[in-house]
PDB file of N, CA and C in Angstrom:
ATOM      1  N   UNK A   1     152.586-157.841  70.537  1.00  0.00           N
ATOM      2  CA  UNK A   1     151.536-157.308  71.379  1.00  0.00           C
ATOM      3  C   UNK A   1     150.900-156.107  70.719  1.00  0.00           C
ATOM      4  N   UNK A   2     149.616-155.967  70.910  1.00  0.00           N
ATOM      5  CA  UNK A   2     148.891-154.832  70.331  1.00  0.00           C
ATOM      6  C   UNK A   2     149.116-153.589  71.178  1.00  0.00           C
ATOM      7  N   UNK A   3     149.166-152.449  70.491  1.00  0.00           N
ATOM      8  CA  UNK A   3     149.348-151.186  71.196  1.00  0.00           C
ATOM      9  C   UNK A   3     148.026-150.729  71.791  1.00  0.00           C
ATOM     10  N   UNK A   4     148.118-150.050  72.925  1.00  0.00           N
ATOM     11  CA  UNK A   4     146.932-149.480  73.543  1.00  0.00           C
ATOM     12  C   UNK A   4     146.844-148.021  73.106  1.00  0.00           C
ATOM     13  N   UNK A   5     145.870-147.720  72.253  1.00  0.00           N
ATOM     14  CA  UNK A   5     145.702-146.364  71.734  1.00  0.00           C
ATOM     15  C   UNK A   5     144.636-145.591  72.494  1.00  0.00           C
ATOM     16  N   UNK A   6     144.392-145.917  73.710  1.00  0.00           N
ATOM     17  CA  UNK A   6     143.373-145.221  74.487  1.00  0.00           C
ATOM     18  C   UNK A   6     142.031-145.929  74.385  1.00  0.00           C
ATOM     19  N   UNK A   7     140.982-145.250  74.850  1.00  0.00           N
ATOM     20  CA  UNK A   7     139.665-145.888  74.821  1.00  0.00           C
ATOM     21  C   UNK A   7     139.174-146.118  73.397  1.00  0.00           C
ATOM     22  N   UNK A   8     138.543-147.267  73.206  1.00  0.00           N
ATOM     23  CA  UNK A   8     138.039-147.606  71.875  1.00  0.00           C
ATOM     24  C   UNK A   8     136.711-146.921  71.630  1.00  0.00           C
ATOM     25  N   UNK A   9     136.486-146.497  70.395  1.00  0.00           N
ATOM     26  CA  UNK A   9     135.209-145.902  70.022  1.00  0.00           C
ATOM     27  C   UNK A   9     134.230-147.028  69.725  1.00  0.00           C
ATOM     28  N   UNK A  10     132.977-146.874  70.193  1.00  0.00           N
ATOM     29  CA  UNK A  10     131.982-147.908  69.889  1.00  0.00           C
ATOM     30  C   UNK A  10     131.686-147.939  68.401  1.00  0.00           C
ATOM     31  N   UNK A  11     131.391-149.146  67.913  1.00  0.00           N
ATOM     32  CA  UNK A  11     131.081-149.308  66.491  1.00  0.00           C
ATOM     33  C   UNK A  11     129.719-149.941  66.331  1.00  0.00           C
ATOM     34  N   UNK A  12     129.150-149.769  65.149  1.00  0.00           N
ATOM     35  CA  UNK A  12     127.930-150.468  64.775  1.00  0.00           C
ATOM     36  C   UNK A  12     126.741-150.121  65.642  1.00  0.00           C
ATOM     37  N   UNK A  13     126.056-151.167  66.106  1.00  0.00           N
ATOM     38  CA  UNK A  13     124.815-151.012  66.845  1.00  0.00           C
ATOM     39  C   UNK A  13     125.031-150.248  68.145  1.00  0.00           C
ATOM     40  N   UNK A  14     126.112-150.543  68.855  1.00  0.00           N
ATOM     41  CA  UNK A  14     126.387-149.854  70.102  1.00  0.00           C
ATOM     42  C   UNK A  14     126.538-148.357  69.871  1.00  0.00           C
ATOM     43  N   UNK A  15     127.189-147.983  68.803  1.00  0.00           N
ATOM     44  CA  UNK A  15     127.376-146.563  68.489  1.00  0.00           C
ATOM     45  C   UNK A  15     126.035-145.900  68.180  1.00  0.00           C
ATOM     46  N   UNK A  16     125.187-146.587  67.421  1.00  0.00           N
ATOM     47  CA  UNK A  16     123.880-146.020  67.102  1.00  0.00           C
ATOM     48  C   UNK A  16     122.995-145.923  68.327  1.00  0.00           C
ATOM     49  N   UNK A  17     123.059-146.930  69.213  1.00  0.00           N
ATOM     50  CA  UNK A  17     122.203-146.922  70.393  1.00  0.00           C
ATOM     51  C   UNK A  17     122.621-145.856  71.392  1.00  0.00           C
ATOM     52  N   UNK A  18     123.899-145.686  71.583  1.00  0.00           N
ATOM     53  CA  UNK A  18     124.357-144.744  72.599  1.00  0.00           C
ATOM     54  C   UNK A  18     124.562-143.354  72.053  1.00  0.00           C
ATOM     55  N   UNK A  19     124.749-143.216  70.748  1.00  0.00           N
ATOM     56  CA  UNK A  19     124.972-141.903  70.166  1.00  0.00           C
ATOM     57  C   UNK A  19     126.385-141.401  70.379  1.00  0.00           C
ATOM     58  N   UNK A  20     127.263-142.254  70.872  1.00  0.00           N
ATOM     59  CA  UNK A  20     128.637-141.834  71.105  1.00  0.00           C
ATOM     60  C   UNK A  20     129.362-141.667  69.782  1.00  0.00           C
ATOM     61  N   UNK A  21     130.205-140.687  69.707  1.00  0.00           N
ATOM     62  CA  UNK A  21     130.983-140.472  68.509  1.00  0.00           C
ATOM     63  C   UNK A  21     130.291-139.600  67.497  1.00  0.00           C
ATOM     64  N   UNK A  22     129.160-139.001  67.861  1.00  0.00           N
ATOM     65  CA  UNK A  22     128.473-138.121  66.930  1.00  0.00           C
ATOM     66  C   UNK A  22     128.264-136.767  67.590  1.00  0.00           C
ATOM     67  N   UNK A  23     128.014-135.773  66.762  1.00  0.00           N
ATOM     68  CA  UNK A  23     127.821-134.427  67.294  1.00  0.00           C
ATOM     69  C   UNK A  23     126.493-134.305  68.031  1.00  0.00           C
ATOM     70  N   UNK A  24     125.470-134.982  67.557  1.00  0.00           N
ATOM     71  CA  UNK A  24     124.155-134.926  68.182  1.00  0.00           C
ATOM     72  C   UNK A  24     123.948-136.125  69.102  1.00  0.00           C
ATOM     73  N   UNK A  25     124.943-136.458  69.876  1.00  0.00           N
ATOM     74  CA  UNK A  25     124.900-137.646  70.720  1.00  0.00           C
ATOM     75  C   UNK A  25     123.767-137.645  71.712  1.00  0.00           C
ATOM     76  N   UNK A  26     123.500-136.522  72.347  1.00  0.00           N
ATOM     77  CA  UNK A  26     122.455-136.479  73.367  1.00  0.00           C
ATOM     78  C   UNK A  26     121.087-136.724  72.755  1.00  0.00           C
ATOM     79  N   UNK A  27     120.826-136.131  71.601  1.00  0.00           N
ATOM     80  CA  UNK A  27     119.526-136.309  70.953  1.00  0.00           C
ATOM     81  C   UNK A  27     119.345-137.749  70.481  1.00  0.00           C
ATOM     82  N   UNK A  28     120.374-138.317  69.889  1.00  0.00           N
ATOM     83  CA  UNK A  28     120.296-139.706  69.434  1.00  0.00           C
ATOM     84  C   UNK A  28     120.145-140.654  70.608  1.00  0.00           C
ATOM     85  N   UNK A  29     120.865-140.373  71.690  1.00  0.00           N
ATOM     86  CA  UNK A  29     120.788-141.225  72.874  1.00  0.00           C
ATOM     87  C   UNK A  29     119.372-141.173  73.459  1.00  0.00           C
ATOM     88  N   UNK A  30     118.794-139.981  73.506  1.00  0.00           N
ATOM     89  CA  UNK A  30     117.443-139.828  74.024  1.00  0.00           C
ATOM     90  C   UNK A  30     116.442-140.587  73.155  1.00  0.00           C
ATOM     91  N   UNK A  31     116.581-140.493  71.846  1.00  0.00           N
ATOM     92  CA  UNK A  31     115.680-141.199  70.929  1.00  0.00           C
ATOM     93  C   UNK A  31     115.838-142.702  71.086  1.00  0.00           C
ATOM     94  N   UNK A  32     117.076-143.172  71.212  1.00  0.00           N
ATOM     95  CA  UNK A  32     117.312-144.606  71.360  1.00  0.00           C
ATOM     96  C   UNK A  32     116.727-145.134  72.661  1.00  0.00           C
ATOM     97  N   UNK A  33     116.913-144.388  73.741  1.00  0.00           N
ATOM     98  CA  UNK A  33     116.356-144.823  75.015  1.00  0.00           C
ATOM     99  C   UNK A  33     114.836-144.818  74.970  1.00  0.00           C
ATOM    100  N   UNK A  34     114.257-143.858  74.295  1.00  0.00           N
ATOM    101  CA  UNK A  34     112.807-143.822  74.152  1.00  0.00           C
ATOM    102  C   UNK A  34     112.307-145.032  73.374  1.00  0.00           C
ATOM    103  N   UNK A  35     113.007-145.408  72.316  1.00  0.00           N
ATOM    104  CA  UNK A  35     112.620-146.574  71.523  1.00  0.00           C
ATOM    105  C   UNK A  35     112.781-147.862  72.317  1.00  0.00           C
ATOM    106  N   UNK A  36     113.867-147.967  73.084  1.00  0.00           N
ATOM    107  CA  UNK A  36     114.056-149.165  73.911  1.00  0.00           C
ATOM    108  C   UNK A  36     112.986-149.247  74.992  1.00  0.00           C
ATOM    109  N   UNK A  37     112.603-148.104  75.562  1.00  0.00           N
ATOM    110  CA  UNK A  37     111.547-148.071  76.563  1.00  0.00           C
ATOM    111  C   UNK A  37     110.234-148.536  75.964  1.00  0.00           C
ATOM    112  N   UNK A  38     109.917-148.068  74.764  1.00  0.00           N
ATOM    113  CA  UNK A  38     108.694-148.490  74.085  1.00  0.00           C
ATOM    114  C   UNK A  38     108.707-149.994  73.841  1.00  0.00           C
ATOM    115  N   UNK A  39     109.817-150.522  73.349  1.00  0.00           N
ATOM    116  CA  UNK A  39     109.909-151.954  73.065  1.00  0.00           C
ATOM    117  C   UNK A  39     109.750-152.782  74.339  1.00  0.00           C
ATOM    118  N   UNK A  40     110.387-152.363  75.419  1.00  0.00           N
ATOM    119  CA  UNK A  40     110.296-153.103  76.680  1.00  0.00           C
ATOM    120  C   UNK A  40     108.876-153.059  77.226  1.00  0.00           C
ATOM    121  N   UNK A  41     108.259-151.883  77.226  1.00  0.00           N
ATOM    122  CA  UNK A  41     106.916-151.772  77.783  1.00  0.00           C
ATOM    123  C   UNK A  41     105.905-152.554  76.943  1.00  0.00           C
ATOM    124  N   UNK A  42     106.094-152.571  75.611  1.00  0.00           N
ATOM    125  CA  UNK A  42     105.190-153.367  74.770  1.00  0.00           C
ATOM    126  C   UNK A  42     105.343-154.854  75.053  1.00  0.00           C
ATOM    127  N   UNK A  43     106.560-155.305  75.253  1.00  0.00           N
ATOM    128  CA  UNK A  43     106.792-156.715  75.557  1.00  0.00           C
ATOM    129  C   UNK A  43     106.157-157.131  76.865  1.00  0.00           C
ATOM    130  N   UNK A  44     106.357-156.315  77.901  1.00  0.00           N
ATOM    131  CA  UNK A  44     105.781-156.639  79.211  1.00  0.00           C
ATOM    132  C   UNK A  44     104.260-156.593  79.155  1.00  0.00           C
ATOM    133  N   UNK A  45     103.711-155.563  78.513  1.00  0.00           N
ATOM    134  CA  UNK A  45     102.256-155.440  78.434  1.00  0.00           C
ATOM    135  C   UNK A  45     101.652-156.582  77.613  1.00  0.00           C
ATOM    136  N   UNK A  46     102.342-157.025  76.563  1.00  0.00           N
ATOM    137  CA  UNK A  46     101.840-158.140  75.765  1.00  0.00           C
ATOM    138  C   UNK A  46     101.802-159.427  76.578  1.00  0.00           C
ATOM    139  N   UNK A  47     102.850-159.689  77.319  1.00  0.00           N
ATOM    140  CA  UNK A  47     102.861-160.878  78.171  1.00  0.00           C
ATOM    141  C   UNK A  47     101.760-160.813  79.222  1.00  0.00           C
ATOM    142  N   UNK A  48     101.547-159.636  79.785  1.00  0.00           N
ATOM    143  CA  UNK A  48     100.504-159.479  80.789  1.00  0.00           C
ATOM    144  C   UNK A  48      99.120-159.703  80.174  1.00  0.00           C
ATOM    145  N   UNK A  49      98.889-159.176  78.968  1.00  0.00           N
ATOM    146  CA  UNK A  49      97.594-159.374  78.302  1.00  0.00           C
ATOM    147  C   UNK A  49      97.356-160.856  78.016  1.00  0.00           C
ATOM    148  N   UNK A  50      98.390-161.557  77.558  1.00  0.00           N
ATOM    149  CA  UNK A  50      98.246-162.995  77.296  1.00  0.00           C
ATOM    150  C   UNK A  50      97.944-163.768  78.585  1.00  0.00           C
ATOM    151  N   UNK A  51      98.651-163.428  79.646  1.00  0.00           N
ATOM    152  CA  UNK A  51      98.459-164.132  80.908  1.00  0.00           C
ATOM    153  C   UNK A  51      97.067-163.875  81.476  1.00  0.00           C
ATOM    154  N   UNK A  52      96.621-162.624  81.422  1.00  0.00           N
ATOM    155  CA  UNK A  52      95.285-162.316  81.927  1.00  0.00           C
ATOM    156  C   UNK A  52      94.208-163.001  81.086  1.00  0.00           C
ATOM    157  N   UNK A  53      94.410-163.063  79.769  1.00  0.00           N
ATOM    158  CA  UNK A  53      93.476-163.787  78.913  1.00  0.00           C
ATOM    159  C   UNK A  53      93.430-165.261  79.266  1.00  0.00           C
ATOM    160  N   UNK A  54      94.600-165.832  79.538  1.00  0.00           N
ATOM    161  CA  UNK A  54      94.680-167.241  79.945  1.00  0.00           C
ATOM    162  C   UNK A  54      93.915-167.468  81.248  1.00  0.00           C
ATOM    163  N   UNK A  55      94.150-166.584  82.230  1.00  0.00           N
ATOM    164  CA  UNK A  55      93.466-166.732  83.517  1.00  0.00           C
ATOM    165  C   UNK A  55      91.953-166.581  83.366  1.00  0.00           C
ATOM    166  N   UNK A  56      91.522-165.631  82.543  1.00  0.00           N
ATOM    167  CA  UNK A  56      90.095-165.450  82.300  1.00  0.00           C
ATOM    168  C   UNK A  56      89.496-166.705  81.655  1.00  0.00           C
ATOM    169  N   UNK A  57      90.203-167.264  80.689  1.00  0.00           N
ATOM    170  CA  UNK A  57      89.731-168.481  80.035  1.00  0.00           C
ATOM    171  C   UNK A  57      89.644-169.652  80.985  1.00  0.00           C
ATOM    172  N   UNK A  58      90.616-169.774  81.862  1.00  0.00           N
ATOM    173  CA  UNK A  58      90.564-170.857  82.865  1.00  0.00           C
ATOM    174  C   UNK A  58      89.386-170.682  83.807  1.00  0.00           C
ATOM    175  N   UNK A  59      89.122-169.414  84.184  1.00  0.00           N
ATOM    176  CA  UNK A  59      87.983-169.137  85.055  1.00  0.00           C
ATOM    177  C   UNK A  59      86.674-169.518  84.358  1.00  0.00           C
ATOM    178  N   UNK A  60      86.545-169.162  83.080  1.00  0.00           N
ATOM    179  CA  UNK A  60      85.348-169.520  82.309  1.00  0.00           C
ATOM    180  C   UNK A  60      85.214-171.044  82.242  1.00  0.00           C
ATOM    181  N   UNK A  61      86.322-171.739  82.034  1.00  0.00           N
ATOM    182  CA  UNK A  61      86.290-173.205  81.983  1.00  0.00           C
ATOM    183  C   UNK A  61      85.792-173.792  83.297  1.00  0.00           C
ATOM    184  N   UNK A  62      86.244-173.253  84.425  1.00  0.00           N
ATOM    185  CA  UNK A  62      85.811-173.767  85.719  1.00  0.00           C
ATOM    186  C   UNK A  62      84.328-173.485  85.970  1.00  0.00           C
ATOM    187  N   UNK A  63      83.866-172.311  85.578  1.00  0.00           N
ATOM    188  CA  UNK A  63      82.463-171.932  85.818  1.00  0.00           C
ATOM    189  C   UNK A  63      81.499-172.708  84.917  1.00  0.00           C
ATOM    190  N   UNK A  64      81.869-172.900  83.648  1.00  0.00           N
ATOM    191  CA  UNK A  64      80.951-173.510  82.688  1.00  0.00           C
ATOM    192  C   UNK A  64      81.293-174.954  82.336  1.00  0.00           C
ATOM    193  N   UNK A  65      82.475-175.417  82.767  1.00  0.00           N
ATOM    194  CA  UNK A  65      82.880-176.783  82.462  1.00  0.00           C
ATOM    195  C   UNK A  65      83.170-176.989  80.979  1.00  0.00           C
ATOM    196  N   UNK A  66      83.770-176.030  80.344  1.00  0.00           N
ATOM    197  CA  UNK A  66      84.022-176.093  78.903  1.00  0.00           C
ATOM    198  C   UNK A  66      85.498-176.291  78.572  1.00  0.00           C
ATOM    199  N   UNK A  67      86.260-176.862  79.494  1.00  0.00           N
ATOM    200  CA  UNK A  67      87.710-176.998  79.283  1.00  0.00           C
ATOM    201  C   UNK A  67      87.992-177.739  77.987  1.00  0.00           C
ATOM    202  N   UNK A  68      88.944-177.388  77.231  1.00  0.00           N
ATOM    203  CA  UNK A  68      89.905-176.274  77.277  1.00  0.00           C
ATOM    204  C   UNK A  68      89.491-175.091  76.399  1.00  0.00           C
ATOM    205  N   UNK A  69      88.220-175.051  75.970  1.00  0.00           N
ATOM    206  CA  UNK A  69      87.806-174.035  74.995  1.00  0.00           C
ATOM    207  C   UNK A  69      87.836-172.621  75.569  1.00  0.00           C
ATOM    208  N   UNK A  70      87.485-172.469  76.826  1.00  0.00           N
ATOM    209  CA  UNK A  70      87.536-171.146  77.456  1.00  0.00           C
ATOM    210  C   UNK A  70      88.963-170.618  77.525  1.00  0.00           C
ATOM    211  N   UNK A  71      89.900-171.525  77.830  1.00  0.00           N
ATOM    212  CA  UNK A  71      91.304-171.116  77.892  1.00  0.00           C
ATOM    213  C   UNK A  71      91.788-170.650  76.517  1.00  0.00           C
ATOM    214  N   UNK A  72      91.443-171.406  75.474  1.00  0.00           N
ATOM    215  CA  UNK A  72      91.851-171.005  74.125  1.00  0.00           C
ATOM    216  C   UNK A  72      91.231-169.665  73.738  1.00  0.00           C
ATOM    217  N   UNK A  73      89.960-169.499  74.075  1.00  0.00           N
ATOM    218  CA  UNK A  73      89.294-168.229  73.795  1.00  0.00           C
ATOM    219  C   UNK A  73      89.928-167.073  74.549  1.00  0.00           C
ATOM    220  N   UNK A  74      90.286-167.306  75.807  1.00  0.00           N
ATOM    221  CA  UNK A  74      90.935-166.269  76.605  1.00  0.00           C
ATOM    222  C   UNK A  74      92.295-165.888  76.052  1.00  0.00           C
ATOM    223  N   UNK A  75      93.052-166.891  75.623  1.00  0.00           N
ATOM    224  CA  UNK A  75      94.362-166.607  75.034  1.00  0.00           C
ATOM    225  C   UNK A  75      94.206-165.828  73.738  1.00  0.00           C
ATOM    226  N   UNK A  76      93.205-166.195  72.929  1.00  0.00           N
ATOM    227  CA  UNK A  76      92.960-165.443  71.693  1.00  0.00           C
ATOM    228  C   UNK A  76      92.553-164.004  71.990  1.00  0.00           C
ATOM    229  N   UNK A  77      91.749-163.798  73.041  1.00  0.00           N
ATOM    230  CA  UNK A  77      91.421-162.433  73.448  1.00  0.00           C
ATOM    231  C   UNK A  77      92.677-161.675  73.879  1.00  0.00           C
ATOM    232  N   UNK A  78      93.560-162.350  74.596  1.00  0.00           N
ATOM    233  CA  UNK A  78      94.821-161.724  75.015  1.00  0.00           C
ATOM    234  C   UNK A  78      95.688-161.361  73.832  1.00  0.00           C
ATOM    235  N   UNK A  79      95.743-162.242  72.833  1.00  0.00           N
ATOM    236  CA  UNK A  79      96.524-161.952  71.622  1.00  0.00           C
ATOM    237  C   UNK A  79      95.932-160.748  70.889  1.00  0.00           C
ATOM    238  N   UNK A  80      94.613-160.718  70.763  1.00  0.00           N
ATOM    239  CA  UNK A  80      93.960-159.594  70.103  1.00  0.00           C
ATOM    240  C   UNK A  80      94.202-158.281  70.833  1.00  0.00           C
ATOM    241  N   UNK A  81      94.078-158.313  72.156  1.00  0.00           N
ATOM    242  CA  UNK A  81      94.329-157.102  72.945  1.00  0.00           C
ATOM    243  C   UNK A  81      95.778-156.667  72.816  1.00  0.00           C
ATOM    244  N   UNK A  82      96.682-157.625  72.773  1.00  0.00           N
ATOM    245  CA  UNK A  82      98.102-157.326  72.640  1.00  0.00           C
ATOM    246  C   UNK A  82      98.402-156.664  71.296  1.00  0.00           C
ATOM    247  N   UNK A  83      97.852-157.224  70.204  1.00  0.00           N
ATOM    248  CA  UNK A  83      98.072-156.627  68.879  1.00  0.00           C
ATOM    249  C   UNK A  83      97.496-155.220  68.799  1.00  0.00           C
ATOM    250  N   UNK A  84      96.291-155.027  69.348  1.00  0.00           N
ATOM    251  CA  UNK A  84      95.686-153.703  69.322  1.00  0.00           C
ATOM    252  C   UNK A  84      96.556-152.702  70.076  1.00  0.00           C
ATOM    253  N   UNK A  85      97.060-153.097  71.229  1.00  0.00           N
ATOM    254  CA  UNK A  85      97.890-152.216  72.032  1.00  0.00           C
ATOM    255  C   UNK A  85      99.201-151.889  71.310  1.00  0.00           C
ATOM    256  N   UNK A  86      99.814-152.884  70.684  1.00  0.00           N
ATOM    257  CA  UNK A  86     101.070-152.662  69.969  1.00  0.00           C
ATOM    258  C   UNK A  86     100.857-151.698  68.813  1.00  0.00           C
ATOM    259  N   UNK A  87      99.827-151.919  68.024  1.00  0.00           N
ATOM    260  CA  UNK A  87      99.567-151.046  66.874  1.00  0.00           C
ATOM    261  C   UNK A  87      99.271-149.628  67.333  1.00  0.00           C
ATOM    262  N   UNK A  88      98.445-149.484  68.377  1.00  0.00           N
ATOM    263  CA  UNK A  88      98.105-148.160  68.889  1.00  0.00           C
ATOM    264  C   UNK A  88      99.345-147.427  69.394  1.00  0.00           C
ATOM    265  N   UNK A  89     100.193-148.108  70.160  1.00  0.00           N
ATOM    266  CA  UNK A  89     101.389-147.467  70.706  1.00  0.00           C
ATOM    267  C   UNK A  89     102.382-147.093  69.615  1.00  0.00           C
ATOM    268  N   UNK A  90     102.539-147.942  68.612  1.00  0.00           N
ATOM    269  CA  UNK A  90     103.476-147.631  67.535  1.00  0.00           C
ATOM    270  C   UNK A  90     102.976-146.449  66.715  1.00  0.00           C
ATOM    271  N   UNK A  91     101.685-146.406  66.431  1.00  0.00           N
ATOM    272  CA  UNK A  91     101.137-145.266  65.690  1.00  0.00           C
ATOM    273  C   UNK A  91     101.281-143.974  66.489  1.00  0.00           C
ATOM    274  N   UNK A  92     101.066-144.043  67.795  1.00  0.00           N
ATOM    275  CA  UNK A  92     101.220-142.856  68.643  1.00  0.00           C
ATOM    276  C   UNK A  92     102.678-142.397  68.682  1.00  0.00           C
ATOM    277  N   UNK A  93     103.603-143.332  68.783  1.00  0.00           N
ATOM    278  CA  UNK A  93     105.023-142.970  68.782  1.00  0.00           C
ATOM    279  C   UNK A  93     105.408-142.351  67.446  1.00  0.00           C
ATOM    280  N   UNK A  94     104.861-142.875  66.362  1.00  0.00           N
ATOM    281  CA  UNK A  94     105.141-142.329  65.037  1.00  0.00           C
ATOM    282  C   UNK A  94     104.605-140.901  64.923  1.00  0.00           C
ATOM    283  N   UNK A  95     103.385-140.674  65.428  1.00  0.00           N
ATOM    284  CA  UNK A  95     102.804-139.331  65.389  1.00  0.00           C
ATOM    285  C   UNK A  95     103.631-138.346  66.199  1.00  0.00           C
ATOM    286  N   UNK A  96     104.057-138.753  67.389  1.00  0.00           N
ATOM    287  CA  UNK A  96     104.818-137.834  68.235  1.00  0.00           C
ATOM    288  C   UNK A  96     106.196-137.540  67.636  1.00  0.00           C
ATOM    289  N   UNK A  97     106.810-138.528  66.973  1.00  0.00           N
ATOM    290  CA  UNK A  97     108.116-138.264  66.355  1.00  0.00           C
ATOM    291  C   UNK A  97     107.971-137.357  65.151  1.00  0.00           C
ATOM    292  N   UNK A  98     106.850-137.454  64.414  1.00  0.00           N
ATOM    293  CA  UNK A  98     106.628-136.564  63.283  1.00  0.00           C
ATOM    294  C   UNK A  98     106.370-135.143  63.745  1.00  0.00           C
ATOM    295  N   UNK A  99     105.728-134.977  64.908  1.00  0.00           N
ATOM    296  CA  UNK A  99     105.511-133.636  65.440  1.00  0.00           C
ATOM    297  C   UNK A  99     106.839-132.984  65.797  1.00  0.00           C
ATOM    298  N   UNK A 100     107.760-133.765  66.347  1.00  0.00           N
ATOM    299  CA  UNK A 100     109.065-133.235  66.741  1.00  0.00           C
ATOM    300  C   UNK A 100     109.921-132.917  65.522  1.00  0.00           C
ATOM    301  N   UNK A 101     109.921-133.803  64.544  1.00  0.00           N
ATOM    302  CA  UNK A 101     110.808-133.666  63.393  1.00  0.00           C
ATOM    303  C   UNK A 101     110.158-132.928  62.233  1.00  0.00           C
ATOM    304  N   UNK A 102     108.858-132.802  62.223  1.00  0.00           N
ATOM    305  CA  UNK A 102     108.162-132.181  61.105  1.00  0.00           C
ATOM    306  C   UNK A 102     107.798-133.227  60.073  1.00  0.00           C
ATOM    307  N   UNK A 103     107.037-132.823  59.058  1.00  0.00           N
ATOM    308  CA  UNK A 103     106.624-133.787  58.031  1.00  0.00           C
ATOM    309  C   UNK A 103     107.814-134.234  57.192  1.00  0.00           C
ATOM    310  N   UNK A 104     107.717-135.414  56.586  1.00  0.00           N
ATOM    311  CA  UNK A 104     108.826-135.892  55.753  1.00  0.00           C
ATOM    312  C   UNK A 104     109.028-134.974  54.549  1.00  0.00           C
ATOM    313  N   UNK A 105     110.274-134.858  54.137  1.00  0.00           N
ATOM    314  CA  UNK A 105     110.587-134.002  52.995  1.00  0.00           C
ATOM    315  C   UNK A 105     110.078-134.621  51.706  1.00  0.00           C
ATOM    316  N   UNK A 106     109.696-133.770  50.776  1.00  0.00           N
ATOM    317  CA  UNK A 106     109.210-134.216  49.480  1.00  0.00           C
ATOM    318  C   UNK A 106     110.394-134.277  48.523  1.00  0.00           C
ATOM    319  N   UNK A 107     110.726-135.459  48.059  1.00  0.00           N
ATOM    320  CA  UNK A 107     111.841-135.634  47.156  1.00  0.00           C
ATOM    321  C   UNK A 107     111.332-135.711  45.713  1.00  0.00           C
ATOM    322  N   UNK A 108     111.984-135.028  44.804  1.00  0.00           N
ATOM    323  CA  UNK A 108     111.532-135.071  43.408  1.00  0.00           C
ATOM    324  C   UNK A 108     111.541-136.468  42.806  1.00  0.00           C
ATOM    325  N   UNK A 109     112.435-137.344  43.275  1.00  0.00           N
ATOM    326  CA  UNK A 109     112.513-138.693  42.721  1.00  0.00           C
ATOM    327  C   UNK A 109     111.271-139.508  43.083  1.00  0.00           C
ATOM    328  N   UNK A 110     110.609-139.153  44.189  1.00  0.00           N
ATOM    329  CA  UNK A 110     109.444-139.912  44.642  1.00  0.00           C
ATOM    330  C   UNK A 110     108.183-139.567  43.872  1.00  0.00           C
ATOM    331  N   UNK A 111     108.174-138.452  43.180  1.00  0.00           N
ATOM    332  CA  UNK A 111     106.986-138.031  42.425  1.00  0.00           C
ATOM    333  C   UNK A 111     106.808-138.844  41.157  1.00  0.00           C
ATOM    334  N   UNK A 112     105.571-139.159  40.886  1.00  0.00           N
ATOM    335  CA  UNK A 112     105.282-139.893  39.643  1.00  0.00           C
ATOM    336  C   UNK A 112     104.949-138.875  38.551  1.00  0.00           C
ATOM    337  N   UNK A 113     105.394-139.106  37.319  1.00  0.00           N
ATOM    338  CA  UNK A 113     105.111-138.142  36.242  1.00  0.00           C
ATOM    339  C   UNK A 113     103.653-138.144  35.835  1.00  0.00           C
TER     340      UNK A 113
END
């Protein structure tokens, strides 16, 4: 039988996500939760943009009798809106994290002679 040495420390991804086992656990945990929040909100917003584009395309098809071209156009508009939103949100998150952490350090190895 295996011995019970008390609570197990998280390893790998769980440790990185929760920040447990590190000195800066609260800061890492906050950053991880912020990243998970961004990922979840982007996923939901992307699905909503696609669905609204689909509904708009179906409406155009009913009004003009152009089925299924309006639906395809609406879905493409939803995809475009989704990509624009994802890129904008990621760039904004990157800017805000750079403001908190400061500019990246200049390493001598990265310089070209």
